[in-house]
Amino acid sequence: DQAFIYQQTYLPEQYVNPNYPGLDYYSSIYKRYKLDFNIHMEEENFIETNEIVFPTPEKAMEKLDLKKDEPSVLQIKTTTQKETDKVLEYVESYKKWDYYKIELIKQN
């Protein structure tokens, strides 16, 4: 019952159907790209950064129920089309610091 991520996604207008039938139509943006435009987002190029931010912006702090002395993790992801380098999605996510973990594994 506690929010742990606050996310804002920005899409180019040409990939948004203004006549969508309901909110669940966009429950998966990647599914819409695949079905509506034959774009497989998991195969496209992306850059993702993660950094600790302090202070957390006011809106994210409210949504995540963070105190003013708590940091958050800002994740920014930009996905671009391989063939054209056109931006397909830009996402800013604020995550509660105590719900965030990075694990790197190298196996031979």
PDB file of N, CA and C in Angstrom:
ATOM      1  N   ASP A   1       0.815  -1.216   0.000  1.00  0.00           N
ATOM      2  CA  ASP A   1       0.000   0.000   0.000  1.00  0.00           C
ATOM      3  C   ASP A   1       0.847   1.264   0.000  1.00  0.00           C
ATOM      4  N   GLN A   2       2.108   1.129  -0.359  1.00  0.00           N
ATOM      5  CA  GLN A   2       3.000   2.274  -0.336  1.00  0.00           C
ATOM      6  C   GLN A   2       3.651   2.448  -1.712  1.00  0.00           C
ATOM      7  N   ALA A   3       3.589   3.661  -2.227  1.00  0.00           N
ATOM      8  CA  ALA A   3       4.224   3.937  -3.520  1.00  0.00           C
ATOM      9  C   ALA A   3       5.734   3.860  -3.374  1.00  0.00           C
ATOM     10  N   PHE A   4       6.398   3.267  -4.359  1.00  0.00           N
ATOM     11  CA  PHE A   4       7.857   3.182  -4.331  1.00  0.00           C
ATOM     12  C   PHE A   4       8.484   3.774  -5.585  1.00  0.00           C
ATOM     13  N   ILE A   5       7.658   4.117  -6.576  1.00  0.00           N
ATOM     14  CA  ILE A   5       8.179   4.725  -7.799  1.00  0.00           C
ATOM     15  C   ILE A   5       7.173   5.754  -8.320  1.00  0.00           C
ATOM     16  N   TYR A   6       7.695   6.878  -8.781  1.00  0.00           N
ATOM     17  CA  TYR A   6       6.904   7.914  -9.428  1.00  0.00           C
ATOM     18  C   TYR A   6       7.520   8.112 -10.801  1.00  0.00           C
ATOM     19  N   GLN A   7       6.729   7.870 -11.841  1.00  0.00           N
ATOM     20  CA  GLN A   7       7.277   7.829 -13.193  1.00  0.00           C
ATOM     21  C   GLN A   7       6.478   8.717 -14.127  1.00  0.00           C
ATOM     22  N   GLN A   8       7.209   9.429 -14.983  1.00  0.00           N
ATOM     23  CA  GLN A   8       6.590  10.220 -16.033  1.00  0.00           C
ATOM     24  C   GLN A   8       7.202   9.774 -17.356  1.00  0.00           C
ATOM     25  N   THR A   9       6.341   9.414 -18.300  1.00  0.00           N
ATOM     26  CA  THR A   9       6.778   8.963 -19.613  1.00  0.00           C
ATOM     27  C   THR A   9       6.329   9.970 -20.661  1.00  0.00           C
ATOM     28  N   TYR A  10       7.243  10.310 -21.547  1.00  0.00           N
ATOM     29  CA  TYR A  10       6.954  11.231 -22.642  1.00  0.00           C
ATOM     30  C   TYR A  10       7.145  10.484 -23.954  1.00  0.00           C
ATOM     31  N   LEU A  11       6.126  10.586 -24.826  1.00  0.00           N
ATOM     32  CA  LEU A  11       6.147   9.912 -26.119  1.00  0.00           C
ATOM     33  C   LEU A  11       5.939  10.936 -27.227  1.00  0.00           C
ATOM     34  N   PRO A  12       6.551  10.717 -28.395  1.00  0.00           N
ATOM     35  CA  PRO A  12       6.258  11.589 -29.531  1.00  0.00           C
ATOM     36  C   PRO A  12       4.765  11.497 -29.883  1.00  0.00           C
ATOM     37  N   GLU A  13       4.203  12.604 -30.235  1.00  0.00           N
ATOM     38  CA  GLU A  13       2.765  12.702 -30.487  1.00  0.00           C
ATOM     39  C   GLU A  13       2.278  11.710 -31.550  1.00  0.00           C
ATOM     40  N   GLN A  14       3.102  11.441 -32.564  1.00  0.00           N
ATOM     41  CA  GLN A  14       2.648  10.548 -33.644  1.00  0.00           C
ATOM     42  C   GLN A  14       2.442   9.105 -33.165  1.00  0.00           C
ATOM     43  N   TYR A  15       2.940   8.772 -31.963  1.00  0.00           N
ATOM     44  CA  TYR A  15       2.766   7.418 -31.432  1.00  0.00           C
ATOM     45  C   TYR A  15       1.659   7.332 -30.374  1.00  0.00           C
ATOM     46  N   VAL A  16       0.879   8.383 -30.253  1.00  0.00           N
ATOM     47  CA  VAL A  16      -0.216   8.394 -29.281  1.00  0.00           C
ATOM     48  C   VAL A  16      -1.537   8.488 -30.032  1.00  0.00           C
ATOM     49  N   ASN A  17      -2.406   7.532 -29.792  1.00  0.00           N
ATOM     50  CA  ASN A  17      -3.727   7.507 -30.417  1.00  0.00           C
ATOM     51  C   ASN A  17      -4.646   8.439 -29.624  1.00  0.00           C
ATOM     52  N   PRO A  18      -5.084   9.562 -30.214  1.00  0.00           N
ATOM     53  CA  PRO A  18      -5.932  10.498 -29.467  1.00  0.00           C
ATOM     54  C   PRO A  18      -7.334   9.935 -29.198  1.00  0.00           C
ATOM     55  N   ASN A  19      -7.713   8.870 -29.887  1.00  0.00           N
ATOM     56  CA  ASN A  19      -9.042   8.279 -29.732  1.00  0.00           C
ATOM     57  C   ASN A  19      -8.997   6.944 -29.009  1.00  0.00           C
ATOM     58  N   TYR A  20      -8.084   6.800 -28.045  1.00  0.00           N
ATOM     59  CA  TYR A  20      -7.968   5.521 -27.343  1.00  0.00           C
ATOM     60  C   TYR A  20      -9.253   5.238 -26.557  1.00  0.00           C
ATOM     61  N   PRO A  21      -9.638   3.969 -26.499  1.00  0.00           N
ATOM     62  CA  PRO A  21     -10.923   3.598 -25.898  1.00  0.00           C
ATOM     63  C   PRO A  21     -10.987   3.709 -24.373  1.00  0.00           C
ATOM     64  N   GLY A  22      -9.872   3.636 -23.691  1.00  0.00           N
ATOM     65  CA  GLY A  22      -9.860   3.720 -22.228  1.00  0.00           C
ATOM     66  C   GLY A  22      -8.428   3.723 -21.727  1.00  0.00           C
ATOM     67  N   LEU A  23      -8.246   4.004 -20.444  1.00  0.00           N
ATOM     68  CA  LEU A  23      -6.899   4.093 -19.885  1.00  0.00           C
ATOM     69  C   LEU A  23      -6.119   2.795 -20.013  1.00  0.00           C
ATOM     70  N   ASP A  24      -6.799   1.656 -19.915  1.00  0.00           N
ATOM     71  CA  ASP A  24      -6.074   0.379 -20.003  1.00  0.00           C
ATOM     72  C   ASP A  24      -5.545   0.109 -21.415  1.00  0.00           C
ATOM     73  N   TYR A  25      -5.959   0.885 -22.397  1.00  0.00           N
ATOM     74  CA  TYR A  25      -5.409   0.778 -23.748  1.00  0.00           C
ATOM     75  C   TYR A  25      -3.905   1.028 -23.710  1.00  0.00           C
ATOM     76  N   TYR A  26      -3.475   1.913 -22.824  1.00  0.00           N
ATOM     77  CA  TYR A  26      -2.058   2.237 -22.677  1.00  0.00           C
ATOM     78  C   TYR A  26      -1.454   1.617 -21.410  1.00  0.00           C
ATOM     79  N   SER A  27      -2.002   0.512 -20.943  1.00  0.00           N
ATOM     80  CA  SER A  27      -1.427  -0.135 -19.752  1.00  0.00           C
ATOM     81  C   SER A  27      -0.014  -0.635 -20.040  1.00  0.00           C
ATOM     82  N   SER A  28       0.295  -0.927 -21.302  1.00  0.00           N
ATOM     83  CA  SER A  28       1.652  -1.272 -21.708  1.00  0.00           C
ATOM     84  C   SER A  28       1.992  -0.468 -22.957  1.00  0.00           C
ATOM     85  N   ILE A  29       2.860   0.503 -22.786  1.00  0.00           N
ATOM     86  CA  ILE A  29       3.273   1.333 -23.917  1.00  0.00           C
ATOM     87  C   ILE A  29       4.037   0.490 -24.934  1.00  0.00           C
ATOM     88  N   TYR A  30       4.858  -0.452 -24.435  1.00  0.00           N
ATOM     89  CA  TYR A  30       5.623  -1.306 -25.346  1.00  0.00           C
ATOM     90  C   TYR A  30       4.699  -2.178 -26.186  1.00  0.00           C
ATOM     91  N   LYS A  31       3.591  -2.620 -25.614  1.00  0.00           N
ATOM     92  CA  LYS A  31       2.602  -3.409 -26.363  1.00  0.00           C
ATOM     93  C   LYS A  31       1.959  -2.542 -27.458  1.00  0.00           C
ATOM     94  N   ARG A  32       1.669  -1.273 -27.147  1.00  0.00           N
ATOM     95  CA  ARG A  32       1.078  -0.376 -28.143  1.00  0.00           C
ATOM     96  C   ARG A  32       2.060  -0.155 -29.291  1.00  0.00           C
ATOM     97  N   TYR A  33       3.333   0.070 -28.979  1.00  0.00           N
ATOM     98  CA  TYR A  33       4.327   0.244 -30.043  1.00  0.00           C
ATOM     99  C   TYR A  33       4.363  -0.995 -30.940  1.00  0.00           C
ATOM    100  N   LYS A  34       4.327  -2.165 -30.340  1.00  0.00           N
ATOM    101  CA  LYS A  34       4.414  -3.409 -31.106  1.00  0.00           C
ATOM    102  C   LYS A  34       3.173  -3.619 -31.973  1.00  0.00           C
ATOM    103  N   LEU A  35       1.993  -3.498 -31.376  1.00  0.00           N
ATOM    104  CA  LEU A  35       0.752  -3.770 -32.106  1.00  0.00           C
ATOM    105  C   LEU A  35       0.386  -2.670 -33.093  1.00  0.00           C
ATOM    106  N   ASP A  36       0.601  -1.422 -32.717  1.00  0.00           N
ATOM    107  CA  ASP A  36       0.164  -0.301 -33.559  1.00  0.00           C
ATOM    108  C   ASP A  36       1.192   0.122 -34.605  1.00  0.00           C
ATOM    109  N   PHE A  37       2.508  -0.089 -34.318  1.00  0.00           N
ATOM    110  CA  PHE A  37       3.538   0.440 -35.214  1.00  0.00           C
ATOM    111  C   PHE A  37       4.605  -0.584 -35.594  1.00  0.00           C
ATOM    112  N   ASN A  38       4.447  -1.819 -35.151  1.00  0.00           N
ATOM    113  CA  ASN A  38       5.413  -2.880 -35.404  1.00  0.00           C
ATOM    114  C   ASN A  38       6.834  -2.480 -34.961  1.00  0.00           C
ATOM    115  N   ILE A  39       6.891  -1.776 -33.838  1.00  0.00           N
ATOM    116  CA  ILE A  39       8.174  -1.394 -33.237  1.00  0.00           C
ATOM    117  C   ILE A  39       8.343  -2.233 -31.975  1.00  0.00           C
ATOM    118  N   HIS A  40       9.432  -2.968 -31.898  1.00  0.00           N
ATOM    119  CA  HIS A  40       9.716  -3.818 -30.736  1.00  0.00           C
ATOM    120  C   HIS A  40      10.696  -3.059 -29.844  1.00  0.00           C
ATOM    121  N   MET A  41      10.158  -2.385 -28.845  1.00  0.00           N
ATOM    122  CA  MET A  41      10.953  -1.476 -28.020  1.00  0.00           C
ATOM    123  C   MET A  41      12.127  -2.165 -27.333  1.00  0.00           C
ATOM    124  N   GLU A  42      11.967  -3.418 -26.952  1.00  0.00           N
ATOM    125  CA  GLU A  42      13.052  -4.126 -26.271  1.00  0.00           C
ATOM    126  C   GLU A  42      14.250  -4.361 -27.195  1.00  0.00           C
ATOM    127  N   GLU A  43      14.063  -4.182 -28.497  1.00  0.00           N
ATOM    128  CA  GLU A  43      15.155  -4.352 -29.462  1.00  0.00           C
ATOM    129  C   GLU A  43      15.779  -3.020 -29.886  1.00  0.00           C
ATOM    130  N   GLU A  44      15.211  -1.928 -29.434  1.00  0.00           N
ATOM    131  CA  GLU A  44      15.702  -0.607 -29.825  1.00  0.00           C
ATOM    132  C   GLU A  44      16.828  -0.159 -28.885  1.00  0.00           C
ATOM    133  N   ASN A  45      17.568   0.840 -29.316  1.00  0.00           N
ATOM    134  CA  ASN A  45      18.670   1.376 -28.517  1.00  0.00           C
ATOM    135  C   ASN A  45      18.127   2.214 -27.363  1.00  0.00           C
ATOM    136  N   PHE A  46      18.839   2.186 -26.242  1.00  0.00           N
ATOM    137  CA  PHE A  46      18.457   3.059 -25.149  1.00  0.00           C
ATOM    138  C   PHE A  46      19.684   3.444 -24.330  1.00  0.00           C
ATOM    139  N   ILE A  47      19.534   4.545 -23.634  1.00  0.00           N
ATOM    140  CA  ILE A  47      20.518   4.996 -22.648  1.00  0.00           C
ATOM    141  C   ILE A  47      19.746   5.171 -21.353  1.00  0.00           C
ATOM    142  N   GLU A  48      20.296   4.614 -20.283  1.00  0.00           N
ATOM    143  CA  GLU A  48      19.663   4.730 -18.976  1.00  0.00           C
ATOM    144  C   GLU A  48      20.701   5.168 -17.958  1.00  0.00           C
ATOM    145  N   THR A  49      20.362   6.164 -17.180  1.00  0.00           N
ATOM    146  CA  THR A  49      21.237   6.596 -16.095  1.00  0.00           C
ATOM    147  C   THR A  49      20.469   6.497 -14.785  1.00  0.00           C
ATOM    148  N   ASN A  50      21.197   6.214 -13.718  1.00  0.00           N
ATOM    149  CA  ASN A  50      20.631   6.165 -12.375  1.00  0.00           C
ATOM    150  C   ASN A  50      21.533   6.997 -11.481  1.00  0.00           C
ATOM    151  N   GLU A  51      20.935   7.882 -10.703  1.00  0.00           N
ATOM    152  CA  GLU A  51      21.736   8.682  -9.786  1.00  0.00           C
ATOM    153  C   GLU A  51      20.919   9.023  -8.548  1.00  0.00           C
ATOM    154  N   ILE A  52      21.629   9.183  -7.461  1.00  0.00           N
ATOM    155  CA  ILE A  52      20.993   9.599  -6.217  1.00  0.00           C
ATOM    156  C   ILE A  52      20.769  11.104  -6.298  1.00  0.00           C
ATOM    157  N   VAL A  53      19.560  11.542  -5.976  1.00  0.00           N
ATOM    158  CA  VAL A  53      19.268  12.976  -5.978  1.00  0.00           C
ATOM    159  C   VAL A  53      18.802  13.404  -4.591  1.00  0.00           C
ATOM    160  N   PHE A  54      19.257  14.574  -4.231  1.00  0.00           N
ATOM    161  CA  PHE A  54      18.855  15.175  -2.971  1.00  0.00           C
ATOM    162  C   PHE A  54      18.999  16.671  -3.128  1.00  0.00           C
ATOM    163  N   PRO A  55      17.971  17.409  -2.934  1.00  0.00           N
ATOM    164  CA  PRO A  55      16.658  16.947  -2.507  1.00  0.00           C
ATOM    165  C   PRO A  55      15.856  16.374  -3.669  1.00  0.00           C
ATOM    166  N   THR A  56      14.873  15.594  -3.318  1.00  0.00           N
ATOM    167  CA  THR A  56      13.925  15.060  -4.293  1.00  0.00           C
ATOM    168  C   THR A  56      12.970  16.184  -4.680  1.00  0.00           C
ATOM    169  N   PRO A  57      12.638  16.326  -5.975  1.00  0.00           N
ATOM    170  CA  PRO A  57      11.659  17.352  -6.360  1.00  0.00           C
ATOM    171  C   PRO A  57      10.341  17.179  -5.590  1.00  0.00           C
ATOM    172  N   GLU A  58       9.729  18.306  -5.302  1.00  0.00           N
ATOM    173  CA  GLU A  58       8.533  18.351  -4.444  1.00  0.00           C
ATOM    174  C   GLU A  58       7.434  17.379  -4.873  1.00  0.00           C
ATOM    175  N   LYS A  59       7.091  17.355  -6.148  1.00  0.00           N
ATOM    176  CA  LYS A  59       6.001  16.482  -6.630  1.00  0.00           C
ATOM    177  C   LYS A  59       6.331  15.007  -6.375  1.00  0.00           C
ATOM    178  N   ALA A  60       7.549  14.594  -6.702  1.00  0.00           N
ATOM    179  CA  ALA A  60       7.953  13.202  -6.472  1.00  0.00           C
ATOM    180  C   ALA A  60       7.994  12.892  -4.983  1.00  0.00           C
ATOM    181  N   MET A  61       8.465  13.844  -4.189  1.00  0.00           N
ATOM    182  CA  MET A  61       8.536  13.649  -2.743  1.00  0.00           C
ATOM    183  C   MET A  61       7.130  13.409  -2.166  1.00  0.00           C
ATOM    184  N   GLU A  62       6.162  14.176  -2.638  1.00  0.00           N
ATOM    185  CA  GLU A  62       4.775  14.004  -2.178  1.00  0.00           C
ATOM    186  C   GLU A  62       4.227  12.645  -2.594  1.00  0.00           C
ATOM    187  N   LYS A  63       4.401  12.283  -3.855  1.00  0.00           N
ATOM    188  CA  LYS A  63       3.852  11.019  -4.367  1.00  0.00           C
ATOM    189  C   LYS A  63       4.471   9.809  -3.681  1.00  0.00           C
ATOM    190  N   LEU A  64       5.761   9.915  -3.311  1.00  0.00           N
ATOM    191  CA  LEU A  64       6.467   8.793  -2.685  1.00  0.00           C
ATOM    192  C   LEU A  64       6.417   8.851  -1.159  1.00  0.00           C
ATOM    193  N   ASP A  65       5.776   9.883  -0.643  1.00  0.00           N
ATOM    194  CA  ASP A  65       5.668  10.071   0.807  1.00  0.00           C
ATOM    195  C   ASP A  65       7.053  10.076   1.457  1.00  0.00           C
ATOM    196  N   LEU A  66       7.979  10.828   0.842  1.00  0.00           N
ATOM    197  CA  LEU A  66       9.332  10.964   1.383  1.00  0.00           C
ATOM    198  C   LEU A  66       9.417  12.179   2.297  1.00  0.00           C
ATOM    199  N   LYS A  67      10.272  12.086   3.286  1.00  0.00           N
ATOM    200  CA  LYS A  67      10.557  13.237   4.147  1.00  0.00           C
ATOM    201  C   LYS A  67      11.567  14.125   3.423  1.00  0.00           C
ATOM    202  N   LYS A  68      11.643  15.386   3.847  1.00  0.00           N
ATOM    203  CA  LYS A  68      12.549  16.338   3.188  1.00  0.00           C
ATOM    204  C   LYS A  68      14.014  15.945   3.302  1.00  0.00           C
ATOM    205  N   ASP A  69      14.356  15.123   4.283  1.00  0.00           N
ATOM    206  CA  ASP A  69      15.758  14.730   4.452  1.00  0.00           C
ATOM    207  C   ASP A  69      16.073  13.371   3.827  1.00  0.00           C
ATOM    208  N   GLU A  70      15.154  12.843   2.980  1.00  0.00           N
ATOM    209  CA  GLU A  70      15.386  11.556   2.314  1.00  0.00           C
ATOM    210  C   GLU A  70      15.717  11.773   0.835  1.00  0.00           C
ATOM    211  N   PRO A  71      16.735  11.089   0.341  1.00  0.00           N
ATOM    212  CA  PRO A  71      17.057  11.175  -1.088  1.00  0.00           C
ATOM    213  C   PRO A  71      16.143  10.244  -1.889  1.00  0.00           C
ATOM    214  N   SER A  72      16.288  10.283  -3.183  1.00  0.00           N
ATOM    215  CA  SER A  72      15.614   9.320  -4.056  1.00  0.00           C
ATOM    216  C   SER A  72      16.591   8.946  -5.171  1.00  0.00           C
ATOM    217  N   VAL A  73      16.223   7.947  -5.942  1.00  0.00           N
ATOM    218  CA  VAL A  73      17.022   7.530  -7.081  1.00  0.00           C
ATOM    219  C   VAL A  73      16.313   8.031  -8.335  1.00  0.00           C
ATOM    220  N   LEU A  74      16.994   8.833  -9.106  1.00  0.00           N
ATOM    221  CA  LEU A  74      16.448   9.326 -10.373  1.00  0.00           C
ATOM    222  C   LEU A  74      16.980   8.448 -11.489  1.00  0.00           C
ATOM    223  N   GLN A  75      16.065   7.844 -12.225  1.00  0.00           N
ATOM    224  CA  GLN A  75      16.426   7.033 -13.384  1.00  0.00           C
ATOM    225  C   GLN A  75      15.870   7.739 -14.615  1.00  0.00           C
ATOM    226  N   ILE A  76      16.747   7.998 -15.569  1.00  0.00           N
ATOM    227  CA  ILE A  76      16.332   8.606 -16.835  1.00  0.00           C
ATOM    228  C   ILE A  76      16.660   7.620 -17.945  1.00  0.00           C
ATOM    229  N   LYS A  77      15.653   7.340 -18.771  1.00  0.00           N
ATOM    230  CA  LYS A  77      15.837   6.403 -19.880  1.00  0.00           C
ATOM    231  C   LYS A  77      15.311   7.041 -21.155  1.00  0.00           C
ATOM    232  N   THR A  78      16.163   7.024 -22.175  1.00  0.00           N
ATOM    233  CA  THR A  78      15.772   7.504 -23.498  1.00  0.00           C
ATOM    234  C   THR A  78      15.937   6.352 -24.475  1.00  0.00           C
ATOM    235  N   THR A  79      14.851   5.993 -25.145  1.00  0.00           N
ATOM    236  CA  THR A  79      14.876   4.921 -26.145  1.00  0.00           C
ATOM    237  C   THR A  79      14.790   5.553 -27.526  1.00  0.00           C
ATOM    238  N   THR A  80      15.696   5.124 -28.421  1.00  0.00           N
ATOM    239  CA  THR A  80      15.716   5.661 -29.772  1.00  0.00           C
ATOM    240  C   THR A  80      15.627   4.528 -30.792  1.00  0.00           C
ATOM    241  N   GLN A  81      15.068   4.849 -31.937  1.00  0.00           N
ATOM    242  CA  GLN A  81      14.935   3.870 -33.009  1.00  0.00           C
ATOM    243  C   GLN A  81      16.302   3.626 -33.648  1.00  0.00           C
ATOM    244  N   LYS A  82      16.653   2.355 -33.817  1.00  0.00           N
ATOM    245  CA  LYS A  82      17.971   1.994 -34.347  1.00  0.00           C
ATOM    246  C   LYS A  82      18.247   2.609 -35.720  1.00  0.00           C
ATOM    247  N   GLU A  83      17.295   2.515 -36.618  1.00  0.00           N
ATOM    248  CA  GLU A  83      17.522   2.951 -37.994  1.00  0.00           C
ATOM    249  C   GLU A  83      17.587   4.463 -38.145  1.00  0.00           C
ATOM    250  N   THR A  84      16.825   5.194 -37.348  1.00  0.00           N
ATOM    251  CA  THR A  84      16.707   6.639 -37.554  1.00  0.00           C
ATOM    252  C   THR A  84      17.261   7.485 -36.410  1.00  0.00           C
ATOM    253  N   ASP A  85      17.536   6.864 -35.281  1.00  0.00           N
ATOM    254  CA  ASP A  85      17.970   7.559 -34.066  1.00  0.00           C
ATOM    255  C   ASP A  85      16.888   8.501 -33.530  1.00  0.00           C
ATOM    256  N   LYS A  86      15.667   8.314 -33.973  1.00  0.00           N
ATOM    257  CA  LYS A  86      14.527   9.109 -33.524  1.00  0.00           C
ATOM    258  C   LYS A  86      14.129   8.683 -32.113  1.00  0.00           C
ATOM    259  N   VAL A  87      13.836   9.648 -31.249  1.00  0.00           N
ATOM    260  CA  VAL A  87      13.419   9.338 -29.881  1.00  0.00           C
ATOM    261  C   VAL A  87      12.025   8.716 -29.901  1.00  0.00           C
ATOM    262  N   LEU A  88      11.910   7.550 -29.269  1.00  0.00           N
ATOM    263  CA  LEU A  88      10.628   6.846 -29.161  1.00  0.00           C
ATOM    264  C   LEU A  88      10.002   7.021 -27.785  1.00  0.00           C
ATOM    265  N   GLU A  89      10.846   7.230 -26.776  1.00  0.00           N
ATOM    266  CA  GLU A  89      10.330   7.405 -25.418  1.00  0.00           C
ATOM    267  C   GLU A  89      11.399   8.058 -24.554  1.00  0.00           C
ATOM    268  N   TYR A  90      10.923   8.897 -23.645  1.00  0.00           N
ATOM    269  CA  TYR A  90      11.779   9.506 -22.631  1.00  0.00           C
ATOM    270  C   TYR A  90      11.069   9.309 -21.305  1.00  0.00           C
ATOM    271  N   VAL A  91      11.765   8.711 -20.329  1.00  0.00           N
ATOM    272  CA  VAL A  91      11.132   8.379 -19.051  1.00  0.00           C
ATOM    273  C   VAL A  91      11.974   8.906 -17.902  1.00  0.00           C
ATOM    274  N   GLU A  92      11.326   9.593 -16.975  1.00  0.00           N
ATOM    275  CA  GLU A  92      11.945  10.007 -15.721  1.00  0.00           C
ATOM    276  C   GLU A  92      11.245   9.268 -14.596  1.00  0.00           C
ATOM    277  N   SER A  93      12.012   8.532 -13.808  1.00  0.00           N
ATOM    278  CA  SER A  93      11.459   7.791 -12.680  1.00  0.00           C
ATOM    279  C   SER A  93      12.183   8.189 -11.410  1.00  0.00           C
ATOM    280  N   TYR A  94      11.423   8.456 -10.381  1.00  0.00           N
ATOM    281  CA  TYR A  94      11.980   8.675  -9.043  1.00  0.00           C
ATOM    282  C   TYR A  94      11.612   7.464  -8.216  1.00  0.00           C
ATOM    283  N   LYS A  95      12.607   6.870  -7.582  1.00  0.00           N
ATOM    284  CA  LYS A  95      12.390   5.659  -6.796  1.00  0.00           C
ATOM    285  C   LYS A  95      12.791   5.923  -5.354  1.00  0.00           C
ATOM    286  N   LYS A  96      12.025   5.331  -4.440  1.00  0.00           N
ATOM    287  CA  LYS A  96      12.402   5.436  -3.029  1.00  0.00           C
ATOM    288  C   LYS A  96      13.756   4.778  -2.840  1.00  0.00           C
ATOM    289  N   TRP A  97      14.624   5.448  -2.158  1.00  0.00           N
ATOM    290  CA  TRP A  97      16.005   4.982  -1.982  1.00  0.00           C
ATOM    291  C   TRP A  97      16.061   3.613  -1.333  1.00  0.00           C
ATOM    292  N   ASP A  98      15.162   3.308  -0.408  1.00  0.00           N
ATOM    293  CA  ASP A  98      15.231   2.040   0.320  1.00  0.00           C
ATOM    294  C   ASP A  98      14.570   0.880  -0.439  1.00  0.00           C
ATOM    295  N   TYR A  99      14.089   1.146  -1.657  1.00  0.00           N
ATOM    296  CA  TYR A  99      13.543   0.089  -2.508  1.00  0.00           C
ATOM    297  C   TYR A  99      14.455  -0.167  -3.706  1.00  0.00           C
ATOM    298  N   TYR A 100      15.615   0.436  -3.703  1.00  0.00           N
ATOM    299  CA  TYR A 100      16.491   0.380  -4.871  1.00  0.00           C
ATOM    300  C   TYR A 100      17.712  -0.477  -4.588  1.00  0.00           C
ATOM    301  N   LYS A 101      18.064  -1.306  -5.559  1.00  0.00           N
ATOM    302  CA  LYS A 101      19.225  -2.176  -5.426  1.00  0.00           C
ATOM    303  C   LYS A 101      19.789  -2.425  -6.825  1.00  0.00           C
ATOM    304  N   ILE A 102      21.109  -2.447  -6.932  1.00  0.00           N
ATOM    305  CA  ILE A 102      21.777  -2.803  -8.187  1.00  0.00           C
ATOM    306  C   ILE A 102      22.572  -4.065  -7.933  1.00  0.00           C
ATOM    307  N   GLU A 103      22.450  -5.015  -8.841  1.00  0.00           N
ATOM    308  CA  GLU A 103      23.241  -6.236  -8.750  1.00  0.00           C
ATOM    309  C   GLU A 103      23.895  -6.481 -10.102  1.00  0.00           C
ATOM    310  N   LEU A 104      25.207  -6.619 -10.112  1.00  0.00           N
ATOM    311  CA  LEU A 104      25.961  -6.909 -11.332  1.00  0.00           C
ATOM    312  C   LEU A 104      26.584  -8.283 -11.166  1.00  0.00           C
ATOM    313  N   ILE A 105      26.432  -9.112 -12.177  1.00  0.00           N
ATOM    314  CA  ILE A 105      26.978 -10.470 -12.124  1.00  0.00           C
ATOM    315  C   ILE A 105      27.784 -10.721 -13.381  1.00  0.00           C
ATOM    316  N   LYS A 106      28.964 -11.241 -13.204  1.00  0.00           N
ATOM    317  CA  LYS A 106      29.771 -11.672 -14.345  1.00  0.00           C
ATOM    318  C   LYS A 106      29.961 -13.176 -14.193  1.00  0.00           C
ATOM    319  N   GLN A 107      29.615 -13.888 -15.224  1.00  0.00           N
ATOM    320  CA  GLN A 107      29.785 -15.342 -15.201  1.00  0.00           C
ATOM    321  C   GLN A 107      30.628 -15.747 -16.391  1.00  0.00           C
ATOM    322  N   ASN A 108      31.515 -16.699 -16.161  1.00  0.00           N
ATOM    323  CA  ASN A 108      32.362 -17.208 -17.249  1.00  0.00           C
ATOM    324  C   ASN A 108      31.841 -18.545 -17.732  1.00  0.00           C
TER     325      ASN A 108
END
